[in-house]
Amino acid sequence: MATANTVSSDQATATAVRADLLVFIAPMPPEQLESILGHLATEFHGEELVVATANDPTGTAHPEIRVLPVQATNAVWPIAAVDFVNAVHAAKENEAKAVLLLGPGADSLSPAALRGLVKSVVEAKSDLAVPHYSLPVNAGLVNSAIIFPLTRALFASRVRYPLSIDMALSLRMAERLGSTAQKFVNQNQPDAIVWPVSEAMVAGLSIDEVDVGTRELPQPAEPNINAILSLVTGSLFADIEAKAAFWQRPRRLLPEHRSFSAMPGVDGAVDIAPMVEAFRLAFTNLQEIWGLVLAPNSLLGLKRLSVVDPATFRMPETLWARVVFDFLVAYRLRTINRGHLMGALIPLYLAWVAGHLNVVGSGTDAEVHVEAVAAAFESEKQYIVSRWRWPDRFNS
C-alpha cells in the first residue's frame, strides 16, 4: 500500500527551484514518459517548469527538463489521493504558480492539449481545467450512465468527465485537493479517489472544460466491471453523502456556450443479448435485495422492462435516474452491506448499457442520449432530495 511520503525535507530544500509550472506525471511505462517529456519540451520550451514523478527519468532524451522524484503509488487509474498530496507538496516546495497532473496514457494527448489545459489556469485564471475527451461511443460508459448525470444533477456542473485523469490546477485548487487527499492518507486510504469537480463546486472555485480531442484511456489494474463499478460508484456515493448539505440546495445549471469534438463511432454491432439476459436473471434472483433498495414504482418499472425483447430494449431515462437515486439512498442508510449493494447494481447498469447501445445503433447520436439521461437526473432531483430526507415515505 502506498504512503504519502514525498521527497524528504532536506532533499526538497536542495532541489527546490522556482517554477511557473509543476507537472506531476503518474506512474507509466518508460516509453510513455519519454513521449510526454517530448511534448513538454516542445510546447513549453524556454519556460520554467519542473516535473515531479515516480518514474525513472534515467536515459531520457530531455535532460533540460528538471525532474524531481516522488514515491511510487499502487494506483493506475484513477489518480490516487496520495498523488494529489505528492503533487501539492512538490508545487509548494518549488513555488509553482500552476499544477498540471497527467495520468497514464497522457502521451496520447497532443502538446496543444497540454498547453490548452495550462493556459486555462494561467491565462484565463480558472482554478480547475479538465479535459473534454473525444471517446468512442462504447467507452467510458460508467461515466455516461452514472458519474456525469449524478454530478450534473447534484452539483450543477456540465463537466462531461468529472473523474478525469488529467487536469490543470491553480495553486489554491491544488491546496484544496491536497487537503482533501491528506485526510484519506491519514485514514490509511492513500489510493482513495478524490473528486475535483465537486470539491471545486463546494469551494466556489471556477471550472473550465478544455477540448483536447482523442485520448487513449489506461486499463484499470482490475478490468472486471464489478470491481470498477464498485470502486468508482461507491467512492462517488461517499462523496455525495459527505456533501449533502451543499447539493440539497437549489442550484441553476449554466447554459453551455461551446461545442466539443464529435465522438468517434464504434466499429461493428455489439451483442446486447447477454446483457439483457443478465438483467432478466437478476430480476428473478435479486428480488429480495432489490425490494430492500428500490422504491415500489422503480420495481414496477423493472418488471415491465424484464419482458421487453432485446431488439427494442431500452432503460427509460427517468426509471434509470430513480434506480441510481434509490441505490444512493441505500448506500447512505446501509440498507444492506455496501459490497452487496454495489453488486446488485451491476445487472441494472448492464441493462442501461444494453439500452444505450440500442439507442445509438438506431441512429441516435450517443451524446444526444447521454444528454437526455442527464436531463432526467436533473428533473428527478427533488426525488432524491425527498428520499434523502424522508426515506421511509417511499417504502410503502
Protein backbone atom coordinates (compact mmCIF):
# COMPACT_ATOMS: atom_id res chain seq x y z
CA MET A 1 0.00 0.00 0.00
CA ALA A 2 1.33 3.37 -0.95
CA THR A 3 2.02 6.07 1.61
CA ALA A 4 2.28 9.80 1.33
CA ASN A 5 5.99 10.11 1.90
CA THR A 6 7.25 12.51 -0.74
CA VAL A 7 10.70 13.95 -1.21
CA SER A 8 12.48 14.34 2.12
CA SER A 9 12.73 17.84 3.60
CA ASP A 10 16.49 18.02 3.08
CA GLN A 11 16.22 16.76 -0.49
CA ALA A 12 13.36 19.12 -1.26
CA THR A 13 15.35 22.07 0.03
CA ALA A 14 18.31 21.08 -2.07
CA THR A 15 16.33 20.51 -5.26
CA ALA A 16 13.63 23.18 -4.98
CA VAL A 17 13.59 25.75 -7.74
CA ARG A 18 11.08 28.46 -8.56
CA ALA A 19 8.85 27.23 -11.39
CA ASP A 20 5.94 28.64 -13.32
CA LEU A 21 4.50 25.15 -13.75
CA LEU A 22 4.76 21.91 -11.78
CA VAL A 23 3.91 18.88 -13.91
CA PHE A 24 3.05 15.74 -11.96
CA ILE A 25 3.28 12.60 -14.09
CA ALA A 26 1.68 9.43 -12.73
CA PRO A 27 3.48 6.07 -12.93
CA MET A 28 3.59 4.80 -16.50
CA PRO A 29 5.78 2.79 -18.90
CA PRO A 30 9.11 4.43 -19.87
CA GLU A 31 8.09 5.00 -23.48
CA GLN A 32 5.02 6.95 -22.37
CA LEU A 33 7.12 9.11 -20.05
CA GLU A 34 9.60 9.83 -22.83
CA SER A 35 6.80 10.86 -25.15
CA ILE A 36 5.26 13.20 -22.56
CA LEU A 37 8.61 14.80 -21.83
CA GLY A 38 8.98 15.36 -25.56
CA HIS A 39 5.58 17.08 -25.68
CA LEU A 40 6.52 19.27 -22.72
CA ALA A 41 9.88 20.17 -24.22
CA THR A 42 8.17 21.16 -27.48
CA GLU A 43 5.24 23.11 -26.09
CA PHE A 44 6.89 24.74 -23.06
CA HIS A 45 10.35 25.39 -24.47
CA GLY A 46 12.14 28.12 -22.54
CA GLU A 47 9.54 28.24 -19.76
CA GLU A 48 10.26 27.40 -16.15
CA LEU A 49 8.72 24.03 -15.40
CA VAL A 50 9.53 21.17 -13.06
CA VAL A 51 8.38 17.57 -13.47
CA ALA A 52 7.58 15.50 -10.38
CA THR A 53 7.26 11.79 -11.00
CA ALA A 54 7.91 8.36 -9.53
CA ASN A 55 9.07 7.21 -12.97
CA ASP A 56 12.77 6.70 -13.56
CA PRO A 57 13.95 9.54 -15.84
CA THR A 58 17.38 7.95 -16.38
CA GLY A 59 18.35 7.98 -20.04
CA THR A 60 15.73 10.48 -21.10
CA ALA A 61 16.39 12.44 -24.26
CA HIS A 62 15.34 15.63 -22.48
CA PRO A 63 17.92 16.41 -19.78
CA GLU A 64 16.91 20.08 -19.97
CA ILE A 65 13.71 19.24 -18.06
CA ARG A 66 14.24 19.22 -14.31
CA VAL A 67 12.77 16.06 -12.76
CA LEU A 68 12.06 15.61 -9.05
CA PRO A 69 11.46 12.11 -7.64
CA VAL A 70 8.35 11.27 -5.63
CA GLN A 71 7.36 7.96 -4.10
CA ALA A 72 5.63 5.45 -6.35
CA THR A 73 1.97 4.59 -5.77
CA ASN A 74 -0.04 1.47 -6.49
CA ALA A 75 -2.78 3.25 -8.40
CA VAL A 76 -3.00 3.05 -12.19
CA TRP A 77 -6.42 4.62 -12.61
CA PRO A 78 -7.74 6.97 -11.43
CA ILE A 79 -5.32 9.44 -9.80
CA ALA A 80 -4.94 8.39 -6.16
CA ALA A 81 -5.25 10.63 -3.12
CA VAL A 82 -1.56 10.20 -2.34
CA ASP A 83 -0.69 11.51 -5.82
CA PHE A 84 -2.53 14.74 -5.09
CA VAL A 85 -0.63 15.04 -1.80
CA ASN A 86 2.70 14.49 -3.55
CA ALA A 87 1.87 16.94 -6.34
CA VAL A 88 0.85 19.72 -3.97
CA HIS A 89 3.90 19.18 -1.80
CA ALA A 90 6.21 19.48 -4.82
CA ALA A 91 4.34 22.54 -6.11
CA LYS A 92 4.71 24.37 -2.80
CA GLU A 93 8.37 23.45 -2.45
CA ASN A 94 9.08 24.88 -5.90
CA GLU A 95 6.75 27.89 -5.64
CA ALA A 96 4.83 26.81 -8.72
CA LYS A 97 2.06 29.06 -9.98
CA ALA A 98 0.07 26.19 -11.50
CA VAL A 99 -0.03 22.39 -11.46
CA LEU A 100 -0.60 20.02 -14.37
CA LEU A 101 -1.45 16.41 -13.47
CA LEU A 102 -1.11 13.77 -16.17
CA GLY A 103 -2.33 10.21 -15.83
CA PRO A 104 -1.14 7.05 -17.59
CA GLY A 105 -1.62 7.24 -21.34
CA ALA A 106 -1.34 11.03 -21.37
CA ASP A 107 1.25 10.71 -24.13
CA SER A 108 -1.75 10.29 -26.45
CA LEU A 109 -2.69 13.93 -25.72
CA SER A 110 -1.22 16.43 -28.15
CA PRO A 111 1.21 19.15 -27.00
CA ALA A 112 -1.53 21.67 -27.87
CA ALA A 113 -3.93 19.88 -25.49
CA LEU A 114 -1.42 20.19 -22.66
CA ARG A 115 -0.97 23.85 -23.46
CA GLY A 116 -4.73 24.36 -23.52
CA LEU A 117 -5.16 22.98 -20.01
CA VAL A 118 -2.34 25.11 -18.61
CA LYS A 119 -3.48 28.21 -20.49
CA SER A 120 -6.94 27.94 -18.95
CA VAL A 121 -5.44 28.19 -15.46
CA VAL A 122 -2.53 30.56 -16.05
CA GLU A 123 -4.09 32.99 -18.52
CA ALA A 124 -7.86 32.57 -18.13
CA LYS A 125 -7.45 32.26 -14.35
CA SER A 126 -9.58 29.14 -13.97
CA ASP A 127 -9.00 27.19 -10.77
CA LEU A 128 -9.65 23.80 -12.32
CA ALA A 129 -9.23 22.94 -16.01
CA VAL A 130 -10.43 19.48 -17.01
CA PRO A 131 -10.30 17.82 -20.43
CA HIS A 132 -13.28 17.12 -22.61
CA TYR A 133 -12.18 13.88 -24.26
CA SER A 134 -13.44 12.61 -27.60
CA LEU A 135 -14.01 8.92 -26.87
CA PRO A 136 -15.71 6.12 -28.80
CA VAL A 137 -19.41 5.72 -28.02
CA ASN A 138 -18.80 2.42 -26.23
CA ALA A 139 -16.04 3.82 -23.97
CA GLY A 140 -16.42 5.47 -20.58
CA LEU A 141 -19.96 4.15 -20.08
CA VAL A 142 -19.81 4.14 -16.27
CA ASN A 143 -19.18 7.86 -16.61
CA SER A 144 -22.03 8.33 -19.09
CA ALA A 145 -24.51 6.27 -17.08
CA ILE A 146 -23.73 7.33 -13.51
CA ILE A 147 -20.85 9.74 -12.83
CA PHE A 148 -21.73 12.50 -15.30
CA PRO A 149 -25.51 12.51 -14.70
CA LEU A 150 -25.14 12.45 -10.91
CA THR A 151 -22.51 15.19 -10.86
CA ARG A 152 -24.53 17.36 -13.21
CA ALA A 153 -27.82 16.92 -11.33
CA LEU A 154 -26.46 17.35 -7.81
CA PHE A 155 -23.56 19.77 -8.29
CA ALA A 156 -24.90 21.73 -11.29
CA SER A 157 -21.76 21.05 -13.34
CA ARG A 158 -21.65 20.37 -17.08
CA VAL A 159 -18.19 18.78 -16.94
CA ARG A 160 -18.53 15.68 -19.12
CA TYR A 161 -15.73 13.71 -17.44
CA PRO A 162 -15.80 14.57 -13.70
CA LEU A 163 -13.27 11.83 -12.90
CA SER A 164 -10.63 13.00 -15.34
CA ILE A 165 -7.14 11.57 -15.05
CA ASP A 166 -5.57 14.75 -16.43
CA MET A 167 -6.16 18.28 -15.14
CA ALA A 168 -4.60 21.66 -14.53
CA LEU A 169 -4.96 23.37 -11.15
CA SER A 170 -4.44 26.82 -9.75
CA LEU A 171 -2.41 26.81 -6.56
CA ARG A 172 -5.49 27.34 -4.39
CA MET A 173 -7.32 24.48 -6.15
CA ALA A 174 -4.27 22.28 -5.69
CA GLU A 175 -4.19 23.14 -1.98
CA ARG A 176 -7.90 22.32 -1.66
CA LEU A 177 -7.45 18.91 -3.29
CA GLY A 178 -4.26 18.26 -1.36
CA SER A 179 -6.05 18.94 1.92
CA THR A 180 -8.91 16.61 0.99
CA ALA A 181 -6.48 13.93 -0.18
CA GLN A 182 -4.41 14.23 3.01
CA LYS A 183 -7.46 13.23 5.05
CA PHE A 184 -7.67 9.98 3.09
CA VAL A 185 -3.96 9.36 3.56
CA ASN A 186 -4.26 10.00 7.31
CA GLN A 187 -7.08 7.43 7.37
CA ASN A 188 -4.76 4.92 5.68
CA GLN A 189 -6.62 5.22 2.37
CA PRO A 190 -3.84 6.51 0.09
CA ASP A 191 -5.43 5.02 -3.04
CA ALA A 192 -8.83 6.61 -2.36
CA ILE A 193 -10.47 8.65 -5.12
CA VAL A 194 -10.63 12.44 -4.92
CA TRP A 195 -13.43 14.21 -6.84
CA PRO A 196 -12.04 17.53 -8.13
CA VAL A 197 -15.24 18.87 -9.73
CA SER A 198 -17.41 18.53 -6.63
CA GLU A 199 -14.60 19.94 -4.47
CA ALA A 200 -14.38 22.99 -6.73
CA MET A 201 -18.15 23.47 -6.73
CA VAL A 202 -18.38 23.32 -2.93
CA ALA A 203 -15.46 25.74 -2.56
CA GLY A 204 -16.91 28.17 -5.09
CA LEU A 205 -13.87 27.86 -7.36
CA SER A 206 -14.04 28.25 -11.14
CA ILE A 207 -14.01 25.31 -13.54
CA ASP A 208 -13.17 25.25 -17.22
CA GLU A 209 -13.55 22.40 -19.69
CA VAL A 210 -10.93 22.17 -22.44
CA ASP A 211 -11.45 20.31 -25.69
CA VAL A 212 -8.42 18.01 -26.00
CA GLY A 213 -9.64 15.65 -28.71
CA THR A 214 -8.98 11.93 -28.54
CA ARG A 215 -7.15 10.16 -25.75
CA GLU A 216 -6.21 6.55 -25.07
CA LEU A 217 -7.59 5.56 -21.68
CA PRO A 218 -5.46 3.32 -19.45
CA GLN A 219 -6.83 -0.03 -18.40
CA PRO A 220 -7.54 -0.33 -14.67
CA ALA A 221 -5.44 -2.84 -12.74
CA GLU A 222 -8.66 -4.82 -12.19
CA PRO A 223 -10.53 -4.81 -15.53
CA ASN A 224 -13.57 -6.63 -14.11
CA ILE A 225 -16.63 -4.38 -14.43
CA ASN A 226 -17.85 -5.46 -10.99
CA ALA A 227 -14.68 -4.16 -9.35
CA ILE A 228 -14.61 -0.95 -11.40
CA LEU A 229 -18.26 -0.10 -10.76
CA SER A 230 -17.97 -0.87 -7.06
CA LEU A 231 -14.81 1.22 -6.66
CA VAL A 232 -15.92 4.27 -8.61
CA THR A 233 -19.63 4.36 -7.79
CA GLY A 234 -19.01 3.59 -4.11
CA SER A 235 -16.49 6.44 -3.92
CA LEU A 236 -18.86 8.84 -5.71
CA PHE A 237 -21.73 7.88 -3.39
CA ALA A 238 -19.49 8.54 -0.38
CA ASP A 239 -18.50 11.95 -1.75
CA ILE A 240 -22.14 12.83 -2.38
CA GLU A 241 -23.03 11.76 1.15
CA ALA A 242 -20.28 13.95 2.59
CA LYS A 243 -21.50 16.97 0.60
CA ALA A 244 -25.25 16.52 1.17
CA ALA A 245 -25.66 19.92 2.82
CA PHE A 246 -24.37 21.53 -0.38
CA TRP A 247 -26.24 19.70 -3.13
CA GLN A 248 -29.65 19.66 -1.46
CA ARG A 249 -29.91 23.41 -2.01
CA PRO A 250 -31.34 24.51 -5.40
CA ARG A 251 -28.71 25.43 -7.99
CA ARG A 252 -29.04 26.61 -11.56
CA LEU A 253 -27.16 24.82 -14.31
CA LEU A 254 -25.50 27.39 -16.52
CA PRO A 255 -26.13 27.06 -20.28
CA GLU A 256 -23.43 25.55 -22.46
CA HIS A 257 -21.96 28.05 -24.92
CA ARG A 258 -19.34 25.83 -26.53
CA SER A 259 -19.24 22.79 -28.76
CA PHE A 260 -16.74 19.98 -28.49
CA SER A 261 -15.17 17.46 -30.84
CA ALA A 262 -17.52 14.77 -32.13
CA MET A 263 -17.26 11.34 -30.55
CA PRO A 264 -15.72 8.62 -32.76
CA GLY A 265 -18.08 5.89 -33.90
CA VAL A 266 -17.89 2.24 -32.92
CA ASP A 267 -16.89 -0.47 -35.38
CA GLY A 268 -19.47 -3.20 -35.78
CA ALA A 269 -22.59 -4.07 -33.82
CA VAL A 270 -22.40 -5.03 -30.16
CA ASP A 271 -24.30 -8.11 -28.97
CA ILE A 272 -26.54 -6.86 -26.18
CA ALA A 273 -28.43 -10.13 -25.68
CA PRO A 274 -26.09 -11.33 -22.86
CA MET A 275 -26.58 -8.02 -21.01
CA VAL A 276 -30.36 -8.26 -21.27
CA GLU A 277 -30.25 -11.89 -20.16
CA ALA A 278 -28.09 -10.96 -17.15
CA PHE A 279 -30.68 -8.33 -16.20
CA ARG A 280 -33.56 -10.80 -16.56
CA LEU A 281 -31.75 -13.39 -14.48
CA ALA A 282 -31.06 -10.79 -11.80
CA PHE A 283 -34.70 -9.71 -11.84
CA THR A 284 -35.59 -13.28 -10.89
CA ASN A 285 -32.80 -13.86 -8.35
CA LEU A 286 -32.35 -10.44 -6.73
CA GLN A 287 -35.96 -9.61 -5.90
CA GLU A 288 -35.29 -9.75 -2.16
CA ILE A 289 -32.32 -7.37 -2.33
CA TRP A 290 -33.87 -5.01 -4.87
CA GLY A 291 -37.02 -4.95 -2.74
CA LEU A 292 -34.97 -3.51 0.13
CA VAL A 293 -33.31 -0.89 -2.07
CA LEU A 294 -35.77 0.23 -4.71
CA ALA A 295 -38.98 2.17 -4.30
CA PRO A 296 -42.15 0.27 -5.40
CA ASN A 297 -42.53 2.32 -8.59
CA SER A 298 -38.93 1.54 -9.58
CA LEU A 299 -39.55 -2.17 -9.08
CA LEU A 300 -42.67 -1.96 -11.20
CA GLY A 301 -40.74 -0.26 -13.97
CA LEU A 302 -38.10 -3.00 -13.92
CA LYS A 303 -40.79 -5.68 -14.03
CA ARG A 304 -42.17 -4.18 -17.22
CA LEU A 305 -38.67 -3.90 -18.67
CA SER A 306 -37.87 -7.56 -17.93
CA VAL A 307 -40.22 -8.78 -20.69
CA VAL A 308 -39.03 -6.38 -23.41
CA ASP A 309 -37.40 -8.00 -26.43
CA PRO A 310 -33.62 -7.35 -26.71
CA ALA A 311 -34.07 -5.75 -30.13
CA THR A 312 -36.20 -2.95 -28.65
CA PHE A 313 -34.76 -2.99 -25.14
CA ARG A 314 -34.20 0.44 -23.59
CA MET A 315 -33.98 1.59 -19.99
CA PRO A 316 -36.30 4.63 -19.65
CA GLU A 317 -34.26 7.66 -18.59
CA THR A 318 -36.48 8.56 -15.62
CA LEU A 319 -36.52 4.97 -14.38
CA TRP A 320 -32.73 4.81 -14.56
CA ALA A 321 -32.38 8.09 -12.67
CA ARG A 322 -34.65 6.84 -9.88
CA VAL A 323 -32.86 3.49 -9.70
CA VAL A 324 -29.49 5.21 -9.21
CA PHE A 325 -31.00 7.59 -6.66
CA ASP A 326 -32.54 4.63 -4.81
CA PHE A 327 -29.14 2.96 -4.61
CA LEU A 328 -27.58 6.21 -3.41
CA VAL A 329 -30.08 6.38 -0.55
CA ALA A 330 -29.49 2.70 0.30
CA TYR A 331 -25.74 3.39 0.37
CA ARG A 332 -26.29 6.21 2.84
CA LEU A 333 -28.64 4.16 5.06
CA ARG A 334 -26.51 1.00 4.81
CA THR A 335 -29.71 -0.85 3.98
CA ILE A 336 -27.56 -3.84 3.06
CA ASN A 337 -23.83 -4.50 3.02
CA ARG A 338 -22.31 -1.90 0.69
CA GLY A 339 -20.36 -4.50 -1.23
CA HIS A 340 -23.54 -6.47 -1.87
CA LEU A 341 -25.31 -3.24 -2.76
CA MET A 342 -22.82 -2.42 -5.49
CA GLY A 343 -23.06 -5.99 -6.76
CA ALA A 344 -26.83 -5.66 -7.05
CA LEU A 345 -26.36 -2.55 -9.20
CA ILE A 346 -24.26 -4.39 -11.83
CA PRO A 347 -27.11 -6.07 -13.79
CA LEU A 348 -29.08 -2.81 -13.74
CA TYR A 349 -26.09 -0.96 -15.15
CA LEU A 350 -25.75 -3.63 -17.86
CA ALA A 351 -29.42 -3.08 -18.68
CA TRP A 352 -28.72 0.62 -19.13
CA VAL A 353 -25.72 -0.14 -21.36
CA ALA A 354 -27.80 -2.51 -23.50
CA GLY A 355 -30.44 0.17 -23.96
CA HIS A 356 -27.85 2.85 -24.70
CA LEU A 357 -26.22 0.74 -27.39
CA ASN A 358 -29.64 0.03 -28.90
CA VAL A 359 -30.40 3.75 -29.00
CA VAL A 360 -27.06 4.52 -30.65
CA GLY A 361 -27.48 1.61 -33.04
CA SER A 362 -30.81 3.02 -34.17
CA GLY A 363 -29.08 6.16 -35.39
CA THR A 364 -29.36 8.48 -32.39
CA ASP A 365 -26.16 10.35 -31.57
CA ALA A 366 -24.60 8.94 -28.40
CA GLU A 367 -24.20 12.37 -26.83
CA VAL A 368 -27.84 13.19 -27.50
CA HIS A 369 -28.86 10.14 -25.49
CA VAL A 370 -26.39 10.87 -22.69
CA GLU A 371 -27.75 14.40 -22.57
CA ALA A 372 -31.29 13.00 -22.22
CA VAL A 373 -30.12 10.79 -19.35
CA ALA A 374 -28.50 13.73 -17.58
CA ALA A 375 -31.64 15.82 -18.08
CA ALA A 376 -33.71 13.07 -16.46
CA PHE A 377 -31.42 13.07 -13.43
CA GLU A 378 -31.85 16.83 -13.19
CA SER A 379 -35.63 16.65 -13.43
CA GLU A 380 -35.68 13.99 -10.70
CA LYS A 381 -33.51 15.92 -8.25
CA GLN A 382 -36.47 16.63 -6.00
CA TYR A 383 -36.99 12.86 -5.83
CA ILE A 384 -33.54 12.26 -4.37
CA VAL A 385 -33.80 15.25 -2.04
CA SER A 386 -37.11 13.92 -0.68
CA ARG A 387 -35.83 10.35 -0.44
CA TRP A 388 -32.71 11.58 1.33
CA ARG A 389 -34.69 13.46 3.96
CA TRP A 390 -37.65 11.10 4.37
CA PRO A 391 -36.57 7.67 3.06
CA ASP A 392 -39.38 5.72 4.73
CA ARG A 393 -42.02 7.68 2.85
CA PHE A 394 -41.14 5.86 -0.38
CA ASN A 395 -41.09 2.32 1.01
CA SER A 396 -44.79 1.69 1.02
